[in-house]
């Protein structure tokens, strides 16, 4: 398990992510607003777009080509710390991960 902090409109919701599941799956399971997940985690939409914050962001595996292409179609502003939450697999060392859900 790893604690994931979701920031939505400056409200923090802490969710226990199971190792091996995606950050998107943890968000959907907890009912985090703004994580729509239309494609169910197949990297074929950008409705789970988040901004990864803090030091943990620097330790994540970089976005692959398909993810970067999908982010180009995101509704919210794409920033250097933009990721699709379906492409971030929860790992024990991610405890305390903070992701901000973009405001649309």
PDB file of N, CA and C in Angstrom:
ATOM      1  N   UNK A   1       0.837  -1.187   0.000  1.00  0.00           N
ATOM      2  CA  UNK A   1       0.000   0.000   0.000  1.00  0.00           C
ATOM      3  C   UNK A   1       0.879   1.247   0.000  1.00  0.00           C
ATOM      4  N   UNK A   2       0.350   2.272  -0.617  1.00  0.00           N
ATOM      5  CA  UNK A   2       1.019   3.561  -0.624  1.00  0.00           C
ATOM      6  C   UNK A   2      -0.057   4.637  -0.537  1.00  0.00           C
ATOM      7  N   UNK A   3       0.162   5.609   0.308  1.00  0.00           N
ATOM      8  CA  UNK A   3      -0.789   6.705   0.444  1.00  0.00           C
ATOM      9  C   UNK A   3      -0.605   7.653  -0.729  1.00  0.00           C
ATOM     10  N   UNK A   4      -1.725   7.992  -1.366  1.00  0.00           N
ATOM     11  CA  UNK A   4      -1.725   8.932  -2.479  1.00  0.00           C
ATOM     12  C   UNK A   4      -2.611  10.094  -2.073  1.00  0.00           C
ATOM     13  N   UNK A   5      -2.089  11.302  -2.198  1.00  0.00           N
ATOM     14  CA  UNK A   5      -2.846  12.505  -1.885  1.00  0.00           C
ATOM     15  C   UNK A   5      -3.362  13.109  -3.184  1.00  0.00           C
ATOM     16  N   UNK A   6      -4.679  13.187  -3.304  1.00  0.00           N
ATOM     17  CA  UNK A   6      -5.303  13.804  -4.468  1.00  0.00           C
ATOM     18  C   UNK A   6      -5.740  15.215  -4.087  1.00  0.00           C
ATOM     19  N   UNK A   7      -5.278  16.194  -4.838  1.00  0.00           N
ATOM     20  CA  UNK A   7      -5.660  17.580  -4.620  1.00  0.00           C
ATOM     21  C   UNK A   7      -6.708  17.958  -5.659  1.00  0.00           C
ATOM     22  N   UNK A   8      -7.901  18.277  -5.195  1.00  0.00           N
ATOM     23  CA  UNK A   8      -8.986  18.706  -6.074  1.00  0.00           C
ATOM     24  C   UNK A   8      -9.495  20.022  -5.528  1.00  0.00           C
ATOM     25  N   UNK A   9      -9.314  21.087  -6.301  1.00  0.00           N
ATOM     26  CA  UNK A   9      -9.751  22.416  -5.850  1.00  0.00           C
ATOM     27  C   UNK A   9      -9.206  22.735  -4.461  1.00  0.00           C
ATOM     28  N   UNK A  10      -7.959  22.427  -4.221  1.00  0.00           N
ATOM     29  CA  UNK A  10      -7.251  22.687  -2.965  1.00  0.00           C
ATOM     30  C   UNK A  10      -7.778  21.883  -1.774  1.00  0.00           C
ATOM     31  N   UNK A  11      -8.586  20.870  -2.035  1.00  0.00           N
ATOM     32  CA  UNK A  11      -9.006  19.929  -1.001  1.00  0.00           C
ATOM     33  C   UNK A  11      -8.199  18.654  -1.191  1.00  0.00           C
ATOM     34  N   UNK A  12      -7.588  18.174  -0.111  1.00  0.00           N
ATOM     35  CA  UNK A  12      -6.764  16.974  -0.176  1.00  0.00           C
ATOM     36  C   UNK A  12      -7.575  15.773   0.283  1.00  0.00           C
ATOM     37  N   UNK A  13      -7.546  14.718  -0.524  1.00  0.00           N
ATOM     38  CA  UNK A  13      -8.147  13.443  -0.147  1.00  0.00           C
ATOM     39  C   UNK A  13      -7.055  12.396  -0.183  1.00  0.00           C
ATOM     40  N   UNK A  14      -6.833  11.725   0.937  1.00  0.00           N
ATOM     41  CA  UNK A  14      -5.807  10.688   1.018  1.00  0.00           C
ATOM     42  C   UNK A  14      -6.436   9.342   0.705  1.00  0.00           C
ATOM     43  N   UNK A  15      -5.807   8.612  -0.215  1.00  0.00           N
ATOM     44  CA  UNK A  15      -6.308   7.312  -0.654  1.00  0.00           C
ATOM     45  C   UNK A  15      -5.194   6.298  -0.492  1.00  0.00           C
ATOM     46  N   UNK A  16      -5.540   5.093  -0.048  1.00  0.00           N
ATOM     47  CA  UNK A  16      -4.581   3.990   0.020  1.00  0.00           C
ATOM     48  C   UNK A  16      -4.555   3.304  -1.334  1.00  0.00           C
ATOM     49  N   UNK A  17      -3.438   3.414  -2.036  1.00  0.00           N
ATOM     50  CA  UNK A  17      -3.289   2.734  -3.313  1.00  0.00           C
ATOM     51  C   UNK A  17      -2.670   1.367  -3.106  1.00  0.00           C
ATOM     52  N   UNK A  18      -3.222   0.368  -3.767  1.00  0.00           N
ATOM     53  CA  UNK A  18      -2.664  -0.982  -3.679  1.00  0.00           C
ATOM     54  C   UNK A  18      -1.500  -1.098  -4.652  1.00  0.00           C
ATOM     55  N   UNK A  19      -0.421  -1.695  -4.201  1.00  0.00           N
ATOM     56  CA  UNK A  19       0.751  -1.895  -5.043  1.00  0.00           C
ATOM     57  C   UNK A  19       0.337  -2.688  -6.277  1.00  0.00           C
ATOM     58  N   UNK A  20       0.728  -2.181  -7.437  1.00  0.00           N
ATOM     59  CA  UNK A  20       0.419  -2.839  -8.698  1.00  0.00           C
ATOM     60  C   UNK A  20      -0.761  -2.250  -9.434  1.00  0.00           C
ATOM     61  N   UNK A  21      -1.657  -1.567  -8.719  1.00  0.00           N
ATOM     62  CA  UNK A  21      -2.777  -0.933  -9.411  1.00  0.00           C
ATOM     63  C   UNK A  21      -2.333   0.438  -9.912  1.00  0.00           C
ATOM     64  N   UNK A  22      -3.089   1.031 -10.790  1.00  0.00           N
ATOM     65  CA  UNK A  22      -2.740   2.360 -11.281  1.00  0.00           C
ATOM     66  C   UNK A  22      -3.279   3.425 -10.328  1.00  0.00           C
ATOM     67  N   UNK A  23      -2.671   4.580 -10.387  1.00  0.00           N
ATOM     68  CA  UNK A  23      -3.154   5.720  -9.606  1.00  0.00           C
ATOM     69  C   UNK A  23      -4.588   6.037 -10.023  1.00  0.00           C
ATOM     70  N   UNK A  24      -4.907   5.873 -11.310  1.00  0.00           N
ATOM     71  CA  UNK A  24      -6.260   6.100 -11.801  1.00  0.00           C
ATOM     72  C   UNK A  24      -7.252   5.152 -11.138  1.00  0.00           C
ATOM     73  N   UNK A  25      -6.907   3.876 -11.020  1.00  0.00           N
ATOM     74  CA  UNK A  25      -7.788   2.895 -10.398  1.00  0.00           C
ATOM     75  C   UNK A  25      -8.051   3.260  -8.936  1.00  0.00           C
ATOM     76  N   UNK A  26      -7.008   3.694  -8.244  1.00  0.00           N
ATOM     77  CA  UNK A  26      -7.172   4.124  -6.851  1.00  0.00           C
ATOM     78  C   UNK A  26      -8.110   5.326  -6.769  1.00  0.00           C
ATOM     79  N   UNK A  27      -7.967   6.255  -7.706  1.00  0.00           N
ATOM     80  CA  UNK A  27      -8.808   7.459  -7.718  1.00  0.00           C
ATOM     81  C   UNK A  27     -10.263   7.115  -7.996  1.00  0.00           C
ATOM     82  N   UNK A  28     -10.496   6.289  -8.992  1.00  0.00           N
ATOM     83  CA  UNK A  28     -11.866   5.899  -9.338  1.00  0.00           C
ATOM     84  C   UNK A  28     -12.513   5.147  -8.178  1.00  0.00           C
ATOM     85  N   UNK A  29     -11.769   4.251  -7.568  1.00  0.00           N
ATOM     86  CA  UNK A  29     -12.295   3.495  -6.433  1.00  0.00           C
ATOM     87  C   UNK A  29     -12.670   4.368  -5.251  1.00  0.00           C
ATOM     88  N   UNK A  30     -11.980   5.492  -5.116  1.00  0.00           N
ATOM     89  CA  UNK A  30     -12.248   6.415  -4.012  1.00  0.00           C
ATOM     90  C   UNK A  30     -13.220   7.526  -4.402  1.00  0.00           C
ATOM     91  N   UNK A  31     -13.660   7.521  -5.666  1.00  0.00           N
ATOM     92  CA  UNK A  31     -14.618   8.542  -6.101  1.00  0.00           C
ATOM     93  C   UNK A  31     -14.021   9.936  -6.221  1.00  0.00           C
ATOM     94  N   UNK A  32     -12.745  10.018  -6.589  1.00  0.00           N
ATOM     95  CA  UNK A  32     -12.094  11.328  -6.727  1.00  0.00           C
ATOM     96  C   UNK A  32     -12.712  12.079  -7.905  1.00  0.00           C
ATOM     97  N   UNK A  33     -13.272  13.269  -7.676  1.00  0.00           N
ATOM     98  CA  UNK A  33     -13.867  14.031  -8.771  1.00  0.00           C
ATOM     99  C   UNK A  33     -12.796  14.479  -9.774  1.00  0.00           C
ATOM    100  N   UNK A  34     -13.166  14.476 -11.047  1.00  0.00           N
ATOM    101  CA  UNK A  34     -12.263  14.936 -12.089  1.00  0.00           C
ATOM    102  C   UNK A  34     -11.462  13.829 -12.747  1.00  0.00           C
ATOM    103  N   UNK A  35     -11.459  12.637 -12.172  1.00  0.00           N
ATOM    104  CA  UNK A  35     -10.811  11.482 -12.801  1.00  0.00           C
ATOM    105  C   UNK A  35     -11.934  10.671 -13.443  1.00  0.00           C
ATOM    106  N   UNK A  36     -12.160  10.922 -14.718  1.00  0.00           N
ATOM    107  CA  UNK A  36     -13.286  10.316 -15.432  1.00  0.00           C
ATOM    108  C   UNK A  36     -12.958   8.891 -15.868  1.00  0.00           C
ATOM    109  N   UNK A  37     -11.757   8.687 -16.409  1.00  0.00           N
ATOM    110  CA  UNK A  37     -11.264   7.364 -16.818  1.00  0.00           C
ATOM    111  C   UNK A  37     -12.163   6.715 -17.864  1.00  0.00           C
ATOM    112  N   UNK A  38     -12.521   7.464 -18.889  1.00  0.00           N
ATOM    113  CA  UNK A  38     -13.419   6.957 -19.932  1.00  0.00           C
ATOM    114  C   UNK A  38     -12.926   5.671 -20.586  1.00  0.00           C
ATOM    115  N   UNK A  39     -11.618   5.546 -20.797  1.00  0.00           N
ATOM    116  CA  UNK A  39     -11.103   4.374 -21.510  1.00  0.00           C
ATOM    117  C   UNK A  39     -10.780   3.215 -20.571  1.00  0.00           C
ATOM    118  N   UNK A  40     -10.938   3.422 -19.288  1.00  0.00           N
ATOM    119  CA  UNK A  40     -10.694   2.357 -18.327  1.00  0.00           C
ATOM    120  C   UNK A  40      -9.228   2.054 -18.077  1.00  0.00           C
ATOM    121  N   UNK A  41      -8.350   2.958 -18.500  1.00  0.00           N
ATOM    122  CA  UNK A  41      -6.929   2.780 -18.210  1.00  0.00           C
ATOM    123  C   UNK A  41      -6.116   2.220 -19.352  1.00  0.00           C
ATOM    124  N   UNK A  42      -6.607   2.357 -20.570  1.00  0.00           N
ATOM    125  CA  UNK A  42      -5.889   1.809 -21.724  1.00  0.00           C
ATOM    126  C   UNK A  42      -5.057   2.852 -22.461  1.00  0.00           C
ATOM    127  N   UNK A  43      -4.880   4.007 -21.884  1.00  0.00           N
ATOM    128  CA  UNK A  43      -4.075   5.082 -22.484  1.00  0.00           C
ATOM    129  C   UNK A  43      -4.640   5.496 -23.839  1.00  0.00           C
ATOM    130  N   UNK A  44      -5.977   5.569 -23.911  1.00  0.00           N
ATOM    131  CA  UNK A  44      -6.577   5.992 -25.173  1.00  0.00           C
ATOM    132  C   UNK A  44      -7.537   7.161 -24.992  1.00  0.00           C
ATOM    133  N   UNK A  45      -7.389   7.857 -23.883  1.00  0.00           N
ATOM    134  CA  UNK A  45      -8.097   9.122 -23.665  1.00  0.00           C
ATOM    135  C   UNK A  45      -7.217   9.917 -22.696  1.00  0.00           C
ATOM    136  N   UNK A  46      -7.608  11.087 -22.367  1.00  0.00           N
ATOM    137  CA  UNK A  46      -6.814  11.862 -21.410  1.00  0.00           C
ATOM    138  C   UNK A  46      -7.681  12.306 -20.236  1.00  0.00           C
ATOM    139  N   UNK A  47      -8.695  11.503 -19.913  1.00  0.00           N
ATOM    140  CA  UNK A  47      -9.631  11.896 -18.859  1.00  0.00           C
ATOM    141  C   UNK A  47      -9.172  11.503 -17.461  1.00  0.00           C
ATOM    142  N   UNK A  48      -7.921  11.074 -17.350  1.00  0.00           N
ATOM    143  CA  UNK A  48      -7.338  10.803 -16.025  1.00  0.00           C
ATOM    144  C   UNK A  48      -6.069  11.640 -15.843  1.00  0.00           C
ATOM    145  N   UNK A  49      -5.993  12.738 -16.597  1.00  0.00           N
ATOM    146  CA  UNK A  49      -4.853  13.650 -16.560  1.00  0.00           C
ATOM    147  C   UNK A  49      -4.679  14.229 -15.154  1.00  0.00           C
ATOM    148  N   UNK A  50      -3.450  14.199 -14.659  1.00  0.00           N
ATOM    149  CA  UNK A  50      -3.113  14.793 -13.360  1.00  0.00           C
ATOM    150  C   UNK A  50      -1.772  15.507 -13.473  1.00  0.00           C
ATOM    151  N   UNK A  51      -1.505  16.345 -12.487  1.00  0.00           N
ATOM    152  CA  UNK A  51      -0.197  16.966 -12.318  1.00  0.00           C
ATOM    153  C   UNK A  51       0.467  16.299 -11.124  1.00  0.00           C
ATOM    154  N   UNK A  52       1.593  15.661 -11.343  1.00  0.00           N
ATOM    155  CA  UNK A  52       2.309  14.983 -10.270  1.00  0.00           C
ATOM    156  C   UNK A  52       3.205  16.006  -9.596  1.00  0.00           C
ATOM    157  N   UNK A  53       3.104  16.103  -8.275  1.00  0.00           N
ATOM    158  CA  UNK A  53       3.838  17.124  -7.543  1.00  0.00           C
ATOM    159  C   UNK A  53       4.893  16.518  -6.630  1.00  0.00           C
ATOM    160  N   UNK A  54       5.883  17.320  -6.289  1.00  0.00           N
ATOM    161  CA  UNK A  54       6.890  16.932  -5.312  1.00  0.00           C
ATOM    162  C   UNK A  54       8.013  16.085  -5.864  1.00  0.00           C
ATOM    163  N   UNK A  55       8.848  15.624  -4.948  1.00  0.00           N
ATOM    164  CA  UNK A  55      10.052  14.872  -5.286  1.00  0.00           C
ATOM    165  C   UNK A  55       9.758  13.528  -5.937  1.00  0.00           C
ATOM    166  N   UNK A  56       8.646  12.916  -5.594  1.00  0.00           N
ATOM    167  CA  UNK A  56       8.323  11.612  -6.155  1.00  0.00           C
ATOM    168  C   UNK A  56       8.151  11.728  -7.674  1.00  0.00           C
ATOM    169  N   UNK A  57       7.677  12.868  -8.147  1.00  0.00           N
ATOM    170  CA  UNK A  57       7.484  13.069  -9.595  1.00  0.00           C
ATOM    171  C   UNK A  57       8.773  12.823 -10.359  1.00  0.00           C
ATOM    172  N   UNK A  58       9.881  13.230  -9.788  1.00  0.00           N
ATOM    173  CA  UNK A  58      11.178  13.087 -10.452  1.00  0.00           C
ATOM    174  C   UNK A  58      11.640  11.633 -10.513  1.00  0.00           C
ATOM    175  N   UNK A  59      11.083  10.785  -9.669  1.00  0.00           N
ATOM    176  CA  UNK A  59      11.496   9.385  -9.607  1.00  0.00           C
ATOM    177  C   UNK A  59      10.656   8.473 -10.490  1.00  0.00           C
ATOM    178  N   UNK A  60       9.547   8.990 -11.025  1.00  0.00           N
ATOM    179  CA  UNK A  60       8.677   8.163 -11.857  1.00  0.00           C
ATOM    180  C   UNK A  60       9.336   7.860 -13.197  1.00  0.00           C
ATOM    181  N   UNK A  61       8.995   6.717 -13.747  1.00  0.00           N
ATOM    182  CA  UNK A  61       9.427   6.398 -15.101  1.00  0.00           C
ATOM    183  C   UNK A  61       8.833   7.457 -16.023  1.00  0.00           C
ATOM    184  N   UNK A  62       9.621   8.014 -16.920  1.00  0.00           N
ATOM    185  CA  UNK A  62       9.086   9.055 -17.818  1.00  0.00           C
ATOM    186  C   UNK A  62       7.914   8.538 -18.657  1.00  0.00           C
ATOM    187  N   UNK A  63       7.075   9.462 -19.052  1.00  0.00           N
ATOM    188  CA  UNK A  63       5.941   9.115 -19.911  1.00  0.00           C
ATOM    189  C   UNK A  63       6.452   8.536 -21.223  1.00  0.00           C
ATOM    190  N   UNK A  64       5.787   7.504 -21.702  1.00  0.00           N
ATOM    191  CA  UNK A  64       6.174   6.921 -22.984  1.00  0.00           C
ATOM    192  C   UNK A  64       5.500   7.701 -24.115  1.00  0.00           C
ATOM    193  N   UNK A  65       5.874   7.382 -25.328  1.00  0.00           N
ATOM    194  CA  UNK A  65       5.414   8.104 -26.514  1.00  0.00           C
ATOM    195  C   UNK A  65       3.888   8.141 -26.632  1.00  0.00           C
ATOM    196  N   UNK A  66       3.227   7.022 -26.377  1.00  0.00           N
ATOM    197  CA  UNK A  66       1.765   6.968 -26.474  1.00  0.00           C
ATOM    198  C   UNK A  66       1.111   7.890 -25.445  1.00  0.00           C
ATOM    199  N   UNK A  67       1.662   7.902 -24.251  1.00  0.00           N
ATOM    200  CA  UNK A  67       1.112   8.771 -23.202  1.00  0.00           C
ATOM    201  C   UNK A  67       1.297  10.235 -23.568  1.00  0.00           C
ATOM    202  N   UNK A  68       2.471  10.583 -24.051  1.00  0.00           N
ATOM    203  CA  UNK A  68       2.728  11.972 -24.457  1.00  0.00           C
ATOM    204  C   UNK A  68       1.776  12.403 -25.575  1.00  0.00           C
ATOM    205  N   UNK A  69       1.539  11.517 -26.531  1.00  0.00           N
ATOM    206  CA  UNK A  69       0.618  11.827 -27.627  1.00  0.00           C
ATOM    207  C   UNK A  69      -0.794  12.034 -27.101  1.00  0.00           C
ATOM    208  N   UNK A  70      -1.210  11.221 -26.155  1.00  0.00           N
ATOM    209  CA  UNK A  70      -2.550  11.346 -25.596  1.00  0.00           C
ATOM    210  C   UNK A  70      -2.680  12.643 -24.795  1.00  0.00           C
ATOM    211  N   UNK A  71      -1.629  13.022 -24.089  1.00  0.00           N
ATOM    212  CA  UNK A  71      -1.666  14.261 -23.312  1.00  0.00           C
ATOM    213  C   UNK A  71      -1.846  15.485 -24.201  1.00  0.00           C
ATOM    214  N   UNK A  72      -1.392  15.395 -25.448  1.00  0.00           N
ATOM    215  CA  UNK A  72      -1.568  16.524 -26.369  1.00  0.00           C
ATOM    216  C   UNK A  72      -3.037  16.871 -26.565  1.00  0.00           C
ATOM    217  N   UNK A  73      -3.921  15.896 -26.370  1.00  0.00           N
ATOM    218  CA  UNK A  73      -5.348  16.124 -26.517  1.00  0.00           C
ATOM    219  C   UNK A  73      -6.067  16.406 -25.219  1.00  0.00           C
ATOM    220  N   UNK A  74      -5.328  16.581 -24.140  1.00  0.00           N
ATOM    221  CA  UNK A  74      -5.958  16.840 -22.837  1.00  0.00           C
ATOM    222  C   UNK A  74      -6.709  18.169 -22.855  1.00  0.00           C
ATOM    223  N   UNK A  75      -7.817  18.210 -22.146  1.00  0.00           N
ATOM    224  CA  UNK A  75      -8.629  19.422 -22.078  1.00  0.00           C
ATOM    225  C   UNK A  75      -7.915  20.501 -21.266  1.00  0.00           C
ATOM    226  N   UNK A  76      -7.320  20.106 -20.148  1.00  0.00           N
ATOM    227  CA  UNK A  76      -6.622  21.060 -19.278  1.00  0.00           C
ATOM    228  C   UNK A  76      -5.217  21.332 -19.815  1.00  0.00           C
ATOM    229  N   UNK A  77      -4.643  22.414 -19.351  1.00  0.00           N
ATOM    230  CA  UNK A  77      -3.279  22.791 -19.738  1.00  0.00           C
ATOM    231  C   UNK A  77      -2.306  21.650 -19.459  1.00  0.00           C
ATOM    232  N   UNK A  78      -1.469  21.355 -20.430  1.00  0.00           N
ATOM    233  CA  UNK A  78      -0.439  20.335 -20.246  1.00  0.00           C
ATOM    234  C   UNK A  78       0.808  21.036 -19.719  1.00  0.00           C
ATOM    235  N   UNK A  79       1.330  20.508 -18.629  1.00  0.00           N
ATOM    236  CA  UNK A  79       2.510  21.078 -17.964  1.00  0.00           C
ATOM    237  C   UNK A  79       3.627  20.043 -17.958  1.00  0.00           C
ATOM    238  N   UNK A  80       4.843  20.454 -17.593  1.00  0.00           N
ATOM    239  CA  UNK A  80       5.944  19.479 -17.534  1.00  0.00           C
ATOM    240  C   UNK A  80       5.672  18.312 -16.588  1.00  0.00           C
ATOM    241  N   UNK A  81       4.836  18.517 -15.571  1.00  0.00           N
ATOM    242  CA  UNK A  81       4.539  17.452 -14.610  1.00  0.00           C
ATOM    243  C   UNK A  81       3.211  16.748 -14.905  1.00  0.00           C
ATOM    244  N   UNK A  82       2.689  16.931 -16.114  1.00  0.00           N
ATOM    245  CA  UNK A  82       1.455  16.264 -16.523  1.00  0.00           C
ATOM    246  C   UNK A  82       1.705  14.784 -16.764  1.00  0.00           C
ATOM    247  N   UNK A  83       0.770  13.975 -16.298  1.00  0.00           N
ATOM    248  CA  UNK A  83       0.809  12.525 -16.546  1.00  0.00           C
ATOM    249  C   UNK A  83      -0.622  12.024 -16.655  1.00  0.00           C
ATOM    250  N   UNK A  84      -0.763  10.872 -17.281  1.00  0.00           N
ATOM    251  CA  UNK A  84      -2.031  10.162 -17.239  1.00  0.00           C
ATOM    252  C   UNK A  84      -1.947   9.240 -16.041  1.00  0.00           C
ATOM    253  N   UNK A  85      -2.892   9.364 -15.130  1.00  0.00           N
ATOM    254  CA  UNK A  85      -2.811   8.580 -13.895  1.00  0.00           C
ATOM    255  C   UNK A  85      -2.963   7.083 -14.153  1.00  0.00           C
ATOM    256  N   UNK A  86      -3.509   6.713 -15.304  1.00  0.00           N
ATOM    257  CA  UNK A  86      -3.616   5.284 -15.630  1.00  0.00           C
ATOM    258  C   UNK A  86      -2.259   4.677 -15.960  1.00  0.00           C
ATOM    259  N   UNK A  87      -1.267   5.516 -16.209  1.00  0.00           N
ATOM    260  CA  UNK A  87       0.048   5.033 -16.593  1.00  0.00           C
ATOM    261  C   UNK A  87       1.051   5.062 -15.437  1.00  0.00           C
ATOM    262  N   UNK A  88       0.572   5.404 -14.245  1.00  0.00           N
ATOM    263  CA  UNK A  88       1.433   5.414 -13.060  1.00  0.00           C
ATOM    264  C   UNK A  88       1.031   4.238 -12.185  1.00  0.00           C
ATOM    265  N   UNK A  89       1.905   3.261 -12.104  1.00  0.00           N
ATOM    266  CA  UNK A  89       1.641   2.072 -11.289  1.00  0.00           C
ATOM    267  C   UNK A  89       2.102   2.326  -9.863  1.00  0.00           C
ATOM    268  N   UNK A  90       1.229   2.070  -8.916  1.00  0.00           N
ATOM    269  CA  UNK A  90       1.541   2.289  -7.503  1.00  0.00           C
ATOM    270  C   UNK A  90       2.650   1.335  -7.060  1.00  0.00           C
ATOM    271  N   UNK A  91       3.646   1.892  -6.411  1.00  0.00           N
ATOM    272  CA  UNK A  91       4.784   1.153  -5.852  1.00  0.00           C
ATOM    273  C   UNK A  91       4.937   1.560  -4.392  1.00  0.00           C
ATOM    274  N   UNK A  92       5.487   0.701  -3.545  1.00  0.00           N
ATOM    275  CA  UNK A  92       5.636   1.038  -2.125  1.00  0.00           C
ATOM    276  C   UNK A  92       6.424   2.326  -1.889  1.00  0.00           C
ATOM    277  N   UNK A  93       7.418   2.590  -2.702  1.00  0.00           N
ATOM    278  CA  UNK A  93       8.251   3.789  -2.504  1.00  0.00           C
ATOM    279  C   UNK A  93       7.516   5.084  -2.849  1.00  0.00           C
ATOM    280  N   UNK A  94       6.313   4.972  -3.388  1.00  0.00           N
ATOM    281  CA  UNK A  94       5.527   6.155  -3.748  1.00  0.00           C
ATOM    282  C   UNK A  94       4.681   6.680  -2.594  1.00  0.00           C
ATOM    283  N   UNK A  95       4.816   6.085  -1.412  1.00  0.00           N
ATOM    284  CA  UNK A  95       4.021   6.520  -0.266  1.00  0.00           C
ATOM    285  C   UNK A  95       4.150   8.026  -0.091  1.00  0.00           C
ATOM    286  N   UNK A  96       3.027   8.725  -0.092  1.00  0.00           N
ATOM    287  CA  UNK A  96       3.025  10.179   0.029  1.00  0.00           C
ATOM    288  C   UNK A  96       2.921  10.893  -1.301  1.00  0.00           C
ATOM    289  N   UNK A  97       2.766  10.150  -2.394  1.00  0.00           N
ATOM    290  CA  UNK A  97       2.612  10.749  -3.715  1.00  0.00           C
ATOM    291  C   UNK A  97       1.469  11.754  -3.699  1.00  0.00           C
ATOM    292  N   UNK A  98       1.695  12.907  -4.302  1.00  0.00           N
ATOM    293  CA  UNK A  98       0.665  13.929  -4.414  1.00  0.00           C
ATOM    294  C   UNK A  98       0.387  14.211  -5.881  1.00  0.00           C
ATOM    295  N   UNK A  99      -0.866  14.117  -6.259  1.00  0.00           N
ATOM    296  CA  UNK A  99      -1.277  14.469  -7.612  1.00  0.00           C
ATOM    297  C   UNK A  99      -2.400  15.490  -7.535  1.00  0.00           C
ATOM    298  N   UNK A 100      -2.317  16.487  -8.406  1.00  0.00           N
ATOM    299  CA  UNK A 100      -3.348  17.519  -8.491  1.00  0.00           C
ATOM    300  C   UNK A 100      -4.222  17.224  -9.701  1.00  0.00           C
ATOM    301  N   UNK A 101      -5.512  17.215  -9.487  1.00  0.00           N
ATOM    302  CA  UNK A 101      -6.456  17.017 -10.582  1.00  0.00           C
ATOM    303  C   UNK A 101      -6.719  18.382 -11.213  1.00  0.00           C
ATOM    304  N   UNK A 102      -6.453  18.519 -12.522  1.00  0.00           N
ATOM    305  CA  UNK A 102      -6.649  19.832 -13.169  1.00  0.00           C
ATOM    306  C   UNK A 102      -8.092  20.301 -13.078  1.00  0.00           C
ATOM    307  N   UNK A 103      -8.238  21.600 -12.960  1.00  0.00           N
ATOM    308  CA  UNK A 103      -9.570  22.194 -12.987  1.00  0.00           C
ATOM    309  C   UNK A 103      -9.918  22.483 -14.442  1.00  0.00           C
ATOM    310  N   UNK A 104     -11.088  22.081 -14.824  1.00  0.00           N
ATOM    311  CA  UNK A 104     -11.513  22.287 -16.217  1.00  0.00           C
ATOM    312  C   UNK A 104     -12.612  23.319 -16.267  1.00  0.00           C
TER     313      UNK A 104
END
